[in-house]
Amino acid sequence: MSEDDPTIQVVREDTEGQYVIRVDGRDAGFTRFQPDRRGRLVFPHTQVDPAYAGQGLGSRLISAAMADVASRGETVVPLCPFVAKYLRGHHVPGLDIAWPSSRLTGVEPPPPGDEPDASRGGGER
């Protein structure tokens, strides 16, 4: 990493119900979450500041957030279309996913047995 490379950090802010991605200490985007009545984390919205568009920060944010959720043993309900699309195409070791109806996300869940993490230890609820 050179001196010109930005420092990128993803942090979980439980009191705000979000993960934030920071570039050189400045908030560049967030993905919100809220526990449902079963204790699963519902992710309804993700946003990246337009000043940081096109840098892959949305994917980096969701990648880090999902890895953290998996490490905590929590279950994700991906209502946000960006989160759902990310999970449809990426394996996150140990992540439990409760796929909502496609009417809510606009993204079809993977067919049974075709999930990116089905053969590698992840699962669905």
Foldseek 3Di string as FASTA:
>chain_A
DDPPAWDWDWDDDVVQQWIFIDTNNHTFWIWGWDQDPVRATETADIDGHPVCPPVCVRLVRLLVVQLVCQVVQHAYEYLALSNQVSQQPDARARYEYAYDDCVRRVDDHDDVPNGPCNVPHYYYD
